């Protein structure tokens, strides 16, 4: 199981978090999505070697969510 953190605008509301979670559950590798504290940051638990970030962001943006990728938990950021 791996974790990826993503900022999703508006998910401070439980209803919006639940809706965003369902958007991501169409991806078979996504196991759970939960909010980090009372923020718009979420942790995506997934089962695959790499996060499918492009697909996740695309699904969320098509549903009207603004997103901002954060670093993958437990991995250092890659050098630019």
N, C-alpha and C. Protein backbone atom coordinates (compact mmCIF):
# COMPACT_ATOMS: atom_id res chain seq x y z
N UNK A 1 0.85 -1.17 0.00
CA UNK A 1 0.00 0.00 0.00
C UNK A 1 0.90 1.23 0.00
N UNK A 2 0.57 2.19 -0.84
CA UNK A 2 1.31 3.44 -0.94
C UNK A 2 0.39 4.61 -0.65
N UNK A 3 0.99 5.76 -0.39
CA UNK A 3 0.23 6.97 -0.05
C UNK A 3 0.70 8.12 -0.93
N UNK A 4 -0.25 8.87 -1.47
CA UNK A 4 0.07 10.09 -2.20
C UNK A 4 -0.79 11.21 -1.63
N UNK A 5 -0.17 12.36 -1.37
CA UNK A 5 -0.91 13.50 -0.84
C UNK A 5 -1.23 14.47 -1.97
N UNK A 6 -2.47 14.94 -1.95
CA UNK A 6 -2.97 15.81 -3.00
C UNK A 6 -3.82 16.89 -2.35
N UNK A 7 -3.70 18.11 -2.81
CA UNK A 7 -4.57 19.20 -2.34
C UNK A 7 -5.76 19.27 -3.29
N UNK A 8 -6.97 19.21 -2.74
CA UNK A 8 -8.21 19.29 -3.53
C UNK A 8 -9.05 20.41 -2.94
N UNK A 9 -9.19 21.49 -3.67
CA UNK A 9 -9.93 22.65 -3.18
C UNK A 9 -11.37 22.28 -2.82
N UNK A 10 -11.79 22.68 -1.63
CA UNK A 10 -13.17 22.49 -1.22
C UNK A 10 -13.47 21.26 -0.39
N UNK A 11 -12.51 20.38 -0.20
CA UNK A 11 -12.81 19.14 0.52
C UNK A 11 -12.77 19.28 2.04
N UNK A 12 -12.70 20.53 2.54
CA UNK A 12 -12.82 20.75 3.97
C UNK A 12 -14.23 20.36 4.42
N UNK A 13 -15.17 20.38 3.50
CA UNK A 13 -16.55 19.96 3.74
C UNK A 13 -16.63 18.44 3.57
N UNK A 14 -17.28 17.77 4.52
CA UNK A 14 -17.42 16.31 4.44
C UNK A 14 -18.15 15.87 3.17
N UNK A 15 -19.15 16.62 2.77
CA UNK A 15 -19.93 16.27 1.58
C UNK A 15 -19.05 16.34 0.33
N UNK A 16 -18.25 17.40 0.22
CA UNK A 16 -17.36 17.55 -0.94
C UNK A 16 -16.26 16.49 -0.92
N UNK A 17 -15.77 16.14 0.27
CA UNK A 17 -14.76 15.08 0.37
C UNK A 17 -15.34 13.76 -0.11
N UNK A 18 -16.55 13.44 0.32
CA UNK A 18 -17.19 12.19 -0.09
C UNK A 18 -17.38 12.15 -1.61
N UNK A 19 -17.77 13.26 -2.19
CA UNK A 19 -17.97 13.30 -3.65
C UNK A 19 -16.64 13.13 -4.39
N UNK A 20 -15.59 13.79 -3.91
CA UNK A 20 -14.26 13.66 -4.54
C UNK A 20 -13.75 12.23 -4.39
N UNK A 21 -14.00 11.64 -3.25
CA UNK A 21 -13.57 10.25 -3.00
C UNK A 21 -14.20 9.33 -4.04
N UNK A 22 -15.50 9.50 -4.31
CA UNK A 22 -16.17 8.64 -5.28
C UNK A 22 -15.63 8.84 -6.68
N UNK A 23 -15.20 10.07 -7.01
CA UNK A 23 -14.59 10.30 -8.32
C UNK A 23 -13.33 9.44 -8.47
N UNK A 24 -12.55 9.32 -7.39
CA UNK A 24 -11.30 8.56 -7.44
C UNK A 24 -11.50 7.06 -7.35
N UNK A 25 -12.62 6.62 -6.78
CA UNK A 25 -12.85 5.19 -6.64
C UNK A 25 -13.10 4.48 -7.96
N UNK A 26 -13.25 5.21 -9.06
CA UNK A 26 -13.36 4.54 -10.36
C UNK A 26 -12.01 3.93 -10.76
N UNK A 27 -10.95 4.37 -10.10
CA UNK A 27 -9.60 3.83 -10.35
C UNK A 27 -9.41 2.62 -9.44
N UNK A 28 -9.19 1.47 -10.02
CA UNK A 28 -9.13 0.23 -9.25
C UNK A 28 -7.99 0.21 -8.24
N UNK A 29 -6.93 0.98 -8.46
CA UNK A 29 -5.82 0.98 -7.52
C UNK A 29 -6.08 1.81 -6.26
N UNK A 30 -7.07 2.70 -6.31
CA UNK A 30 -7.37 3.56 -5.15
C UNK A 30 -8.16 2.76 -4.12
N UNK A 31 -7.61 2.69 -2.93
CA UNK A 31 -8.24 1.93 -1.84
C UNK A 31 -8.98 2.81 -0.85
N UNK A 32 -8.44 4.00 -0.59
CA UNK A 32 -9.09 4.88 0.36
C UNK A 32 -8.59 6.31 0.14
N UNK A 33 -9.43 7.27 0.46
CA UNK A 33 -9.07 8.68 0.38
C UNK A 33 -9.56 9.31 1.67
N UNK A 34 -8.64 9.97 2.39
CA UNK A 34 -9.07 10.64 3.61
C UNK A 34 -8.41 12.01 3.73
N UNK A 35 -9.11 12.90 4.41
CA UNK A 35 -8.63 14.27 4.61
C UNK A 35 -7.57 14.28 5.70
N UNK A 36 -6.59 15.13 5.53
CA UNK A 36 -5.54 15.31 6.52
C UNK A 36 -5.93 16.51 7.38
N UNK A 37 -6.34 16.24 8.59
CA UNK A 37 -6.78 17.32 9.48
C UNK A 37 -8.03 18.00 8.96
N UNK A 38 -8.09 19.31 9.17
CA UNK A 38 -9.25 20.09 8.70
C UNK A 38 -8.84 20.96 7.52
N UNK A 39 -8.07 20.36 6.64
CA UNK A 39 -7.52 21.10 5.50
C UNK A 39 -8.12 20.59 4.20
N UNK A 40 -7.60 21.14 3.11
CA UNK A 40 -8.00 20.65 1.79
C UNK A 40 -6.98 19.65 1.25
N UNK A 41 -6.12 19.13 2.12
CA UNK A 41 -5.17 18.10 1.73
C UNK A 41 -5.76 16.73 2.01
N UNK A 42 -5.56 15.81 1.07
CA UNK A 42 -6.03 14.43 1.26
C UNK A 42 -4.87 13.47 1.06
N UNK A 43 -5.00 12.31 1.67
CA UNK A 43 -4.08 11.21 1.46
C UNK A 43 -4.82 10.16 0.64
N UNK A 44 -4.22 9.75 -0.45
CA UNK A 44 -4.80 8.71 -1.30
C UNK A 44 -4.00 7.44 -1.07
N UNK A 45 -4.66 6.42 -0.57
CA UNK A 45 -4.03 5.12 -0.39
C UNK A 45 -4.28 4.32 -1.66
N UNK A 46 -3.21 3.81 -2.26
CA UNK A 46 -3.36 3.10 -3.52
C UNK A 46 -2.44 1.89 -3.58
N UNK A 47 -2.83 0.92 -4.40
CA UNK A 47 -2.05 -0.29 -4.60
C UNK A 47 -1.55 -0.34 -6.03
N UNK A 48 -0.37 0.16 -6.24
CA UNK A 48 0.34 0.06 -7.52
C UNK A 48 1.75 0.59 -7.27
N UNK A 49 2.63 0.34 -8.22
CA UNK A 49 4.02 0.76 -8.05
C UNK A 49 4.17 2.28 -8.06
N UNK A 50 3.37 2.95 -8.89
CA UNK A 50 3.43 4.41 -9.01
C UNK A 50 2.02 4.99 -8.93
N UNK A 51 1.90 6.22 -8.42
CA UNK A 51 0.57 6.84 -8.42
C UNK A 51 0.15 7.17 -9.84
N UNK A 52 -1.13 7.06 -10.11
CA UNK A 52 -1.67 7.39 -11.43
C UNK A 52 -2.16 8.83 -11.38
N UNK A 53 -1.25 9.73 -11.07
CA UNK A 53 -1.59 11.12 -10.79
C UNK A 53 -2.31 11.81 -11.95
N UNK A 54 -1.86 11.60 -13.16
CA UNK A 54 -2.52 12.26 -14.30
C UNK A 54 -4.00 11.88 -14.38
N UNK A 55 -4.29 10.61 -14.20
CA UNK A 55 -5.68 10.17 -14.26
C UNK A 55 -6.48 10.72 -13.09
N UNK A 56 -5.91 10.67 -11.89
CA UNK A 56 -6.62 11.18 -10.71
C UNK A 56 -6.95 12.66 -10.87
N UNK A 57 -5.95 13.44 -11.27
CA UNK A 57 -6.16 14.88 -11.45
C UNK A 57 -7.18 15.14 -12.55
N UNK A 58 -7.08 14.39 -13.64
CA UNK A 58 -8.03 14.56 -14.74
C UNK A 58 -9.47 14.29 -14.29
N UNK A 59 -9.66 13.19 -13.57
CA UNK A 59 -11.01 12.86 -13.07
C UNK A 59 -11.55 13.94 -12.17
N UNK A 60 -10.71 14.41 -11.26
CA UNK A 60 -11.14 15.44 -10.32
C UNK A 60 -11.44 16.75 -11.02
N UNK A 61 -10.58 17.14 -11.95
CA UNK A 61 -10.80 18.40 -12.66
C UNK A 61 -12.04 18.34 -13.54
N UNK A 62 -12.31 17.18 -14.16
CA UNK A 62 -13.53 17.03 -14.95
C UNK A 62 -14.77 17.16 -14.08
N UNK A 63 -14.64 16.80 -12.80
CA UNK A 63 -15.76 16.92 -11.87
C UNK A 63 -15.83 18.30 -11.22
N UNK A 64 -14.92 19.20 -11.60
CA UNK A 64 -14.98 20.57 -11.11
C UNK A 64 -14.09 20.89 -9.92
N UNK A 65 -13.17 20.01 -9.57
CA UNK A 65 -12.26 20.25 -8.45
C UNK A 65 -10.94 20.82 -8.96
N UNK A 66 -10.43 21.82 -8.25
CA UNK A 66 -9.08 22.32 -8.51
C UNK A 66 -8.14 21.48 -7.65
N UNK A 67 -7.02 21.03 -8.23
CA UNK A 67 -6.10 20.17 -7.50
C UNK A 67 -4.68 20.71 -7.55
N UNK A 68 -3.89 20.27 -6.59
CA UNK A 68 -2.47 20.60 -6.57
C UNK A 68 -1.72 19.39 -6.04
N UNK A 69 -0.94 18.74 -6.87
CA UNK A 69 -0.17 17.59 -6.40
C UNK A 69 0.84 17.99 -5.33
N UNK A 70 0.98 17.16 -4.32
CA UNK A 70 1.99 17.33 -3.28
C UNK A 70 2.96 16.17 -3.41
N UNK A 71 3.94 16.10 -2.56
CA UNK A 71 4.90 15.02 -2.66
C UNK A 71 4.33 13.71 -2.16
N UNK A 72 4.84 12.64 -2.72
CA UNK A 72 4.43 11.31 -2.30
C UNK A 72 4.97 11.06 -0.90
N UNK A 73 4.11 10.63 -0.01
CA UNK A 73 4.51 10.40 1.38
C UNK A 73 5.61 9.34 1.43
N UNK A 74 6.64 9.63 2.20
CA UNK A 74 7.71 8.68 2.38
C UNK A 74 8.77 8.71 1.29
N UNK A 75 8.61 9.55 0.28
CA UNK A 75 9.60 9.64 -0.79
C UNK A 75 10.09 11.08 -0.88
N UNK A 76 11.38 11.27 -1.03
CA UNK A 76 11.89 12.64 -1.18
C UNK A 76 11.47 13.23 -2.53
N UNK A 77 11.32 14.55 -2.61
CA UNK A 77 10.98 15.16 -3.90
C UNK A 77 12.12 14.96 -4.88
N UNK A 78 11.76 14.76 -6.15
CA UNK A 78 12.77 14.56 -7.18
C UNK A 78 13.41 15.89 -7.53
N UNK A 79 14.68 15.85 -7.85
CA UNK A 79 15.39 17.06 -8.25
C UNK A 79 14.86 17.55 -9.59
N UNK A 80 14.71 18.84 -9.71
CA UNK A 80 14.17 19.41 -10.97
C UNK A 80 15.26 19.55 -11.99
